[in-house]
Amino acid sequence: MSGLVLLLAVYLYVQRPDWLVRQPPPPATTPTPSALFWQTKAEAHIAAGNFNEAASALERMAELEPEYAYPLVALAGLHLMARRVEEAHALTQKAVRLEPKNVDALAMHARVLDWRGNYESASDFAFQALELEPDNPDVLAVLGEIYSDVGSYAVALDYLEEALAIDPANVMARRNLGYLYEIQREHENAIVEYRRAIELAPNRPDLFIELGRQYERLEEWELAIETYEEAVAAGETAFALDALGWTLWKSGDHLQALRILRRAAEMEPENGLVLAHLGMAYYRRLNYESASETLEKALELLDEDEINAQFTLTLGLSHVYKKPQECDRAVPWLNKTLEFAPGLSSALHGLRRCSTG
């Protein structure tokens, strides 16, 4: 070996330039999940009853496909299950704007409008969907629900039976048939249909809640509580916790009711009905300060048609009984109670306590 070559070899051995040293392979790039990936994830989560995870997956899908109605419609369905009607309405409005001939979007928008009491608009969108797909069982099920709500029970039954003839495993049609029986006060028949819906979709907490409501109507409190506990086990939503807590309150278990309703309020601190029930639970436990504070906030959040004499009376009396007494805040609510229930003795008693100091 010549001196020059030997000198070069020594230099390379000592210096070890990067191009001479074996380099690790570049890290493999991780592909960004596609919209289809998130759709598949969402559908798997829905089937398993993991509704929060399903909602997150649908939101990711909507970000990747902002012009696609599907994730908005599916999200709206999850919101309806949790009784978040206005959130669902915003989503279905957008879905219909994006795809005005999408049958699923039209049907879901019709259902949301029905839940908001906009029956004429609901039927318009449902019939648009029906013209596009006359044999779609979901559309027929929505029409059955709309006609149930307006009191056309025979027409509602026709649509629901047609939907089930096409697809006997259609959960919405089966649920809506239970609902039709419920509003006609045929609670035993409603129980049968809600149970059939649960067999088809055992991870749906809203179906357990609707079944539990039938046991309440029949004053079968133990069965109602058991069913609401199943609802919470299927999905711990504020809606399910509120149903369980309020039924515990009505059945006389006020301590456990308070614990459950606190959990519901932590999940949805702006839910007026949950707060109203929590305020009632505080009152029953003689915590008048918390009762008045919680009920004041609840009645600010509730719509006028959701406020009743029970809530206004309890709020008024909470201000009467707490220390220090606040009659200036109690009297308007007690007078409001007398508008709902003229001559109610407990409201008059509260007013007398204020008038006598």
Protein backbone atom coordinates (compact mmCIF):
# COMPACT_ATOMS: atom_id res chain seq x y z
CA MET A 1 0.00 0.00 0.00
CA SER A 2 1.41 3.40 -0.94
CA GLY A 3 1.99 6.01 1.72
CA LEU A 4 -0.76 8.24 0.32
CA VAL A 5 -3.35 5.47 0.41
CA LEU A 6 -2.28 4.47 3.92
CA LEU A 7 -2.54 8.08 5.07
CA LEU A 8 -6.08 8.36 3.60
CA ALA A 9 -7.17 5.13 5.30
CA VAL A 10 -5.92 6.35 8.66
CA TYR A 11 -7.68 9.71 8.18
CA LEU A 12 -10.99 8.05 7.35
CA TYR A 13 -10.76 5.70 10.32
CA VAL A 14 -10.07 8.58 12.71
CA GLN A 15 -12.52 11.14 11.32
CA ARG A 16 -15.36 8.74 10.42
CA PRO A 17 -17.39 11.10 8.19
CA ASP A 18 -21.15 10.62 8.18
CA TRP A 19 -21.25 9.23 4.68
CA LEU A 20 -18.90 6.43 5.71
CA VAL A 21 -20.82 5.35 8.87
CA ARG A 22 -23.86 3.08 8.44
CA GLN A 23 -26.89 5.34 9.02
CA PRO A 24 -30.18 4.11 10.53
CA PRO A 25 -33.04 4.01 8.04
CA PRO A 26 -35.24 7.12 8.02
CA PRO A 27 -38.30 6.78 10.25
CA ALA A 28 -41.34 5.48 8.44
CA THR A 29 -43.95 8.18 7.95
CA THR A 30 -47.29 7.54 9.67
CA PRO A 31 -50.10 8.22 7.23
CA THR A 32 -52.80 10.60 8.42
CA PRO A 33 -55.97 8.58 9.13
CA SER A 34 -58.55 9.07 6.40
CA ALA A 35 -62.19 10.02 6.78
CA LEU A 36 -63.09 6.40 6.07
CA PHE A 37 -60.84 5.32 8.95
CA TRP A 38 -62.72 7.59 11.36
CA GLN A 39 -66.09 6.48 9.99
CA THR A 40 -65.16 2.85 10.61
CA LYS A 41 -63.98 3.71 14.12
CA ALA A 42 -67.19 5.63 14.85
CA GLU A 43 -69.41 2.78 13.67
CA ALA A 44 -67.46 0.29 15.79
CA HIS A 45 -67.76 2.54 18.86
CA ILE A 46 -71.50 2.99 18.31
CA ALA A 47 -71.99 -0.78 18.03
CA ALA A 48 -70.06 -1.23 21.29
CA GLY A 49 -71.94 1.53 23.08
CA ASN A 50 -68.89 3.80 23.36
CA PHE A 51 -70.78 6.94 22.41
CA ASN A 52 -68.27 9.55 23.57
CA GLU A 53 -65.54 7.87 21.54
CA ALA A 54 -67.93 7.60 18.59
CA ALA A 55 -68.66 11.32 18.77
CA SER A 56 -64.93 12.13 18.80
CA ALA A 57 -64.36 9.94 15.74
CA LEU A 58 -67.26 11.56 13.88
CA GLU A 59 -65.93 15.01 14.70
CA ARG A 60 -62.54 14.04 13.21
CA MET A 61 -64.31 12.70 10.14
CA ALA A 62 -66.25 15.94 9.76
CA GLU A 63 -62.99 17.91 9.90
CA LEU A 64 -61.54 15.80 7.06
CA GLU A 65 -64.74 15.81 4.97
CA PRO A 66 -66.37 19.19 5.67
CA GLU A 67 -68.75 18.87 2.70
CA TYR A 68 -70.03 15.42 3.69
CA ALA A 69 -73.37 15.09 5.53
CA TYR A 70 -72.83 11.65 7.06
CA PRO A 71 -70.80 12.57 10.16
CA LEU A 72 -73.16 15.46 10.96
CA VAL A 73 -76.21 13.20 10.71
CA ALA A 74 -74.60 10.52 12.86
CA LEU A 75 -73.54 13.11 15.46
CA ALA A 76 -77.06 14.50 15.52
CA GLY A 77 -78.36 11.01 16.28
CA LEU A 78 -76.00 10.76 19.26
CA HIS A 79 -77.15 14.16 20.52
CA LEU A 80 -80.80 13.07 20.31
CA MET A 81 -80.01 9.97 22.34
CA ALA A 82 -78.74 12.29 25.10
CA ARG A 83 -81.69 14.69 24.63
CA ARG A 84 -79.46 17.52 23.36
CA VAL A 85 -82.01 18.61 20.79
CA GLU A 86 -80.68 22.06 19.92
CA GLU A 87 -77.17 20.71 19.26
CA ALA A 88 -78.72 18.08 16.99
CA HIS A 89 -80.75 20.76 15.20
CA ALA A 90 -77.66 22.81 14.34
CA LEU A 91 -76.01 19.71 12.87
CA THR A 92 -78.97 18.57 10.76
CA GLN A 93 -79.53 22.08 9.41
CA LYS A 94 -75.96 22.06 8.14
CA ALA A 95 -76.25 18.51 6.81
CA VAL A 96 -79.33 19.36 4.74
CA ARG A 97 -77.63 22.48 3.36
CA LEU A 98 -74.63 20.39 2.31
CA GLU A 99 -76.65 17.56 0.74
CA PRO A 100 -80.26 18.62 0.16
CA LYS A 101 -81.16 15.26 -1.40
CA ASN A 102 -79.49 13.06 1.20
CA VAL A 103 -82.27 10.86 2.56
CA ASP A 104 -80.58 10.23 5.91
CA ALA A 105 -80.01 13.96 6.41
CA LEU A 106 -83.61 14.82 5.52
CA ALA A 107 -85.01 12.11 7.79
CA MET A 108 -82.85 13.07 10.76
CA HIS A 109 -83.66 16.75 10.28
CA ALA A 110 -87.36 15.86 10.20
CA ARG A 111 -86.98 13.93 13.44
CA VAL A 112 -85.16 16.79 15.16
CA LEU A 113 -87.82 19.25 14.04
CA ASP A 114 -90.49 16.92 15.43
CA TRP A 115 -88.70 16.85 18.79
CA ARG A 116 -88.65 20.67 18.74
CA GLY A 117 -92.40 20.73 18.13
CA ASN A 118 -92.08 22.03 14.55
CA TYR A 119 -94.46 19.40 13.20
CA GLU A 120 -95.35 20.99 9.86
CA SER A 121 -91.71 21.52 8.91
CA ALA A 122 -90.88 18.05 10.18
CA SER A 123 -93.44 16.44 7.90
CA ASP A 124 -92.23 18.50 4.92
CA PHE A 125 -88.69 17.17 5.27
CA ALA A 126 -89.88 13.63 5.97
CA PHE A 127 -92.01 13.56 2.83
CA GLN A 128 -89.09 14.93 0.80
CA ALA A 129 -87.09 11.94 2.01
CA LEU A 130 -89.99 9.58 1.29
CA GLU A 131 -90.23 10.79 -2.31
CA LEU A 132 -86.57 9.94 -2.80
CA GLU A 133 -86.81 6.51 -1.11
CA PRO A 134 -90.40 5.31 -0.62
CA ASP A 135 -89.32 2.05 1.03
CA ASN A 136 -86.78 3.48 3.49
CA PRO A 137 -87.77 2.11 6.93
CA ASP A 138 -86.05 4.94 8.81
CA VAL A 139 -88.09 7.53 6.93
CA LEU A 140 -91.31 5.59 7.57
CA ALA A 141 -90.35 5.33 11.26
CA VAL A 142 -89.85 9.10 11.46
CA LEU A 143 -93.24 9.70 9.87
CA GLY A 144 -94.74 7.32 12.44
CA GLU A 145 -93.19 9.39 15.21
CA ILE A 146 -94.41 12.69 13.76
CA TYR A 147 -97.99 11.43 13.37
CA SER A 148 -97.84 10.05 16.92
CA ASP A 149 -96.92 13.49 18.22
CA VAL A 150 -99.79 15.23 16.42
CA GLY A 151 -102.28 12.65 17.66
CA SER A 152 -102.96 10.83 14.37
CA TYR A 153 -102.42 7.44 15.95
CA ALA A 154 -103.93 5.27 13.20
CA VAL A 155 -101.76 6.92 10.54
CA ALA A 156 -98.72 6.61 12.80
CA LEU A 157 -99.36 2.89 13.27
CA ASP A 158 -99.67 2.38 9.51
CA TYR A 159 -96.25 3.96 8.89
CA LEU A 160 -94.60 2.03 11.72
CA GLU A 161 -96.05 -1.30 10.66
CA GLU A 162 -94.90 -0.62 7.09
CA ALA A 163 -91.38 0.16 8.33
CA LEU A 164 -91.25 -3.06 10.38
CA ALA A 165 -92.61 -5.12 7.48
CA ILE A 166 -89.65 -3.91 5.42
CA ASP A 167 -87.10 -4.28 8.25
CA PRO A 168 -88.26 -6.11 11.40
CA ALA A 169 -84.91 -5.26 13.05
CA ASN A 170 -85.25 -1.51 12.57
CA VAL A 171 -84.53 -0.05 16.01
CA MET A 172 -86.11 3.34 15.37
CA ALA A 173 -89.37 1.83 14.12
CA ARG A 174 -89.52 -0.54 17.09
CA ARG A 175 -88.76 2.30 19.53
CA ASN A 176 -91.33 4.56 17.91
CA LEU A 177 -93.97 1.86 18.14
CA GLY A 178 -93.27 1.71 21.88
CA TYR A 179 -93.58 5.48 21.99
CA LEU A 180 -96.92 5.35 20.17
CA TYR A 181 -98.27 2.95 22.79
CA GLU A 182 -96.81 5.09 25.57
CA ILE A 183 -98.56 8.30 24.59
CA GLN A 184 -101.81 6.35 24.35
CA ARG A 185 -101.14 5.18 27.94
CA GLU A 186 -100.87 1.57 26.87
CA HIS A 187 -97.81 1.11 29.07
CA GLU A 188 -97.77 -2.69 29.07
CA ASN A 189 -97.65 -2.73 25.25
CA ALA A 190 -95.04 0.01 25.33
CA ILE A 191 -92.87 -2.11 27.62
CA VAL A 192 -93.01 -5.00 25.14
CA GLU A 193 -91.88 -2.81 22.23
CA TYR A 194 -89.16 -0.97 24.16
CA ARG A 195 -87.81 -4.34 25.31
CA ARG A 196 -87.73 -5.52 21.69
CA ALA A 197 -85.81 -2.37 20.76
CA ILE A 198 -83.32 -3.06 23.57
CA GLU A 199 -82.80 -6.61 22.30
CA LEU A 200 -81.81 -5.09 18.96
CA ALA A 201 -79.61 -2.36 20.48
CA PRO A 202 -78.57 -3.42 23.99
CA ASN A 203 -76.01 -0.63 24.37
CA ARG A 204 -78.46 2.27 23.97
CA PRO A 205 -79.03 4.02 27.33
CA ASP A 206 -81.92 6.06 25.93
CA LEU A 207 -83.94 2.91 25.26
CA PHE A 208 -83.55 1.78 28.88
CA ILE A 209 -84.68 5.23 30.00
CA GLU A 210 -87.82 5.03 27.90
CA LEU A 211 -88.53 1.57 29.28
CA GLY A 212 -87.97 2.82 32.83
CA ARG A 213 -90.43 5.62 32.23
CA GLN A 214 -93.17 3.02 31.67
CA TYR A 215 -92.47 1.44 35.05
CA GLU A 216 -92.71 4.90 36.61
CA ARG A 217 -96.11 5.44 35.02
CA LEU A 218 -97.20 2.12 36.53
CA GLU A 219 -95.60 3.17 39.88
CA GLU A 220 -93.37 0.12 39.85
CA TRP A 221 -90.50 2.00 41.44
CA GLU A 222 -88.10 -0.88 41.97
CA LEU A 223 -88.31 -1.91 38.32
CA ALA A 224 -87.94 1.71 37.22
CA ILE A 225 -84.80 2.17 39.33
CA GLU A 226 -83.31 -1.12 38.10
CA THR A 227 -83.94 -0.08 34.50
CA TYR A 228 -82.40 3.35 34.99
CA GLU A 229 -79.38 1.70 36.59
CA GLU A 230 -79.07 -0.38 33.41
CA ALA A 231 -79.23 2.86 31.43
CA VAL A 232 -76.34 4.31 33.43
CA ALA A 233 -74.37 1.07 32.98
CA ALA A 234 -74.95 1.25 29.21
CA GLY A 235 -73.78 4.86 29.04
CA GLU A 236 -73.22 7.28 31.93
CA THR A 237 -74.82 10.40 30.48
CA ALA A 238 -76.37 13.29 32.36
CA PHE A 239 -79.71 12.21 30.90
CA ALA A 240 -79.40 8.70 32.36
CA LEU A 241 -78.11 9.90 35.73
CA ASP A 242 -80.90 12.46 35.99
CA ALA A 243 -83.54 9.81 35.26
CA LEU A 244 -82.08 7.56 37.95
CA GLY A 245 -81.57 10.33 40.51
CA TRP A 246 -85.01 11.86 40.07
CA THR A 247 -86.72 8.48 40.36
CA LEU A 248 -84.75 7.75 43.55
CA TRP A 249 -85.99 11.12 44.84
CA LYS A 250 -89.60 10.31 44.00
CA SER A 251 -89.29 6.88 45.61
CA GLY A 252 -88.01 8.43 48.87
CA ASP A 253 -84.27 7.64 48.71
CA HIS A 254 -83.25 11.29 48.99
CA LEU A 255 -79.62 10.79 50.03
CA GLN A 256 -78.78 8.52 47.10
CA ALA A 257 -80.76 10.81 44.79
CA LEU A 258 -78.60 13.75 45.85
CA ARG A 259 -75.41 11.83 45.10
CA ILE A 260 -76.58 10.76 41.65
CA LEU A 261 -77.96 14.18 40.70
CA ARG A 262 -74.69 15.85 41.68
CA ARG A 263 -72.91 13.59 39.19
CA ALA A 264 -75.43 14.53 36.51
CA ALA A 265 -74.93 18.25 37.18
CA GLU A 266 -71.15 17.87 37.02
CA MET A 267 -71.50 16.36 33.54
CA GLU A 268 -73.90 19.05 32.27
CA PRO A 269 -73.74 22.12 34.53
CA GLU A 270 -75.96 24.13 32.16
CA ASN A 271 -78.78 21.57 32.02
CA GLY A 272 -81.73 23.35 33.61
CA LEU A 273 -83.81 20.25 34.31
CA VAL A 274 -80.91 18.44 36.00
CA LEU A 275 -80.24 21.50 38.16
CA ALA A 276 -83.92 21.79 39.08
CA HIS A 277 -83.95 18.18 40.23
CA LEU A 278 -80.69 18.71 42.14
CA GLY A 279 -82.17 21.78 43.83
CA MET A 280 -85.18 19.73 44.91
CA ALA A 281 -82.81 17.12 46.36
CA TYR A 282 -80.92 19.78 48.31
CA TYR A 283 -84.21 21.12 49.69
CA ARG A 284 -85.30 17.69 50.86
CA ARG A 285 -81.99 17.35 52.72
CA LEU A 286 -82.70 20.77 54.39
CA ASN A 287 -79.77 22.44 52.58
CA TYR A 288 -81.77 25.57 51.77
CA GLU A 289 -78.79 27.68 50.71
CA SER A 290 -77.70 25.20 48.03
CA ALA A 291 -81.31 24.55 47.07
CA SER A 292 -82.06 28.22 46.43
CA GLU A 293 -78.81 28.82 44.57
CA THR A 294 -79.25 25.76 42.34
CA LEU A 295 -82.92 26.35 41.63
CA GLU A 296 -82.33 30.04 40.77
CA LYS A 297 -79.84 28.95 38.11
CA ALA A 298 -82.10 26.13 36.92
CA LEU A 299 -85.09 28.39 36.34
CA GLU A 300 -82.92 30.82 34.39
CA LEU A 301 -81.97 27.98 32.05
CA LEU A 302 -85.37 26.30 31.68
CA ASP A 303 -87.87 27.29 29.02
CA GLU A 304 -91.11 28.80 30.31
CA ASP A 305 -93.09 25.65 29.55
CA GLU A 306 -90.62 23.56 31.59
CA ILE A 307 -91.14 25.57 34.79
CA ASN A 308 -93.79 24.17 37.11
CA ALA A 309 -95.31 24.87 40.52
CA GLN A 310 -93.11 22.26 42.21
CA PHE A 311 -89.94 24.09 41.18
CA THR A 312 -91.18 27.61 41.95
CA LEU A 313 -92.64 26.60 45.31
CA THR A 314 -89.43 24.89 46.39
CA LEU A 315 -87.34 27.87 45.35
CA GLY A 316 -89.61 30.29 47.19
CA LEU A 317 -89.64 28.22 50.37
CA SER A 318 -85.85 27.78 50.20
CA HIS A 319 -85.49 31.55 50.43
CA VAL A 320 -88.00 31.59 53.31
CA TYR A 321 -86.29 28.90 55.40
CA LYS A 322 -82.63 29.64 54.83
CA LYS A 323 -80.61 31.77 57.23
CA PRO A 324 -80.81 34.69 56.83
CA GLN A 325 -84.31 34.66 55.37
CA GLU A 326 -84.67 36.45 51.99
CA CYS A 327 -88.34 37.25 51.58
CA ASP A 328 -87.71 39.79 48.84
CA ARG A 329 -86.55 36.87 46.69
CA ALA A 330 -89.07 34.37 48.04
CA VAL A 331 -92.29 36.32 47.46
CA PRO A 332 -92.12 36.57 43.63
CA TRP A 333 -91.63 32.81 43.34
CA LEU A 334 -94.41 32.02 45.78
CA ASN A 335 -96.75 34.32 43.86
CA LYS A 336 -95.68 32.58 40.64
CA THR A 337 -96.58 29.29 42.29
CA LEU A 338 -100.08 30.58 43.03
CA GLU A 339 -100.48 31.37 39.32
CA PHE A 340 -99.83 27.69 38.60
CA ALA A 341 -101.86 26.41 41.57
CA PRO A 342 -104.24 29.01 43.05
CA GLY A 343 -104.81 28.56 46.76
CA LEU A 344 -101.89 26.16 47.29
CA SER A 345 -101.54 26.03 51.07
CA SER A 346 -97.74 25.64 51.20
CA ALA A 347 -97.26 28.74 49.03
CA LEU A 348 -99.69 30.73 51.21
CA HIS A 349 -97.85 29.51 54.31
CA GLY A 350 -94.56 30.81 52.89
CA LEU A 351 -96.12 34.19 52.15
CA ARG A 352 -97.55 34.40 55.69
CA ARG A 353 -94.11 33.67 57.17
CA CYS A 354 -92.69 36.54 55.16
CA SER A 355 -95.49 38.92 56.06
CA THR A 356 -95.07 38.26 59.77
CA GLY A 357 -91.29 38.54 59.70
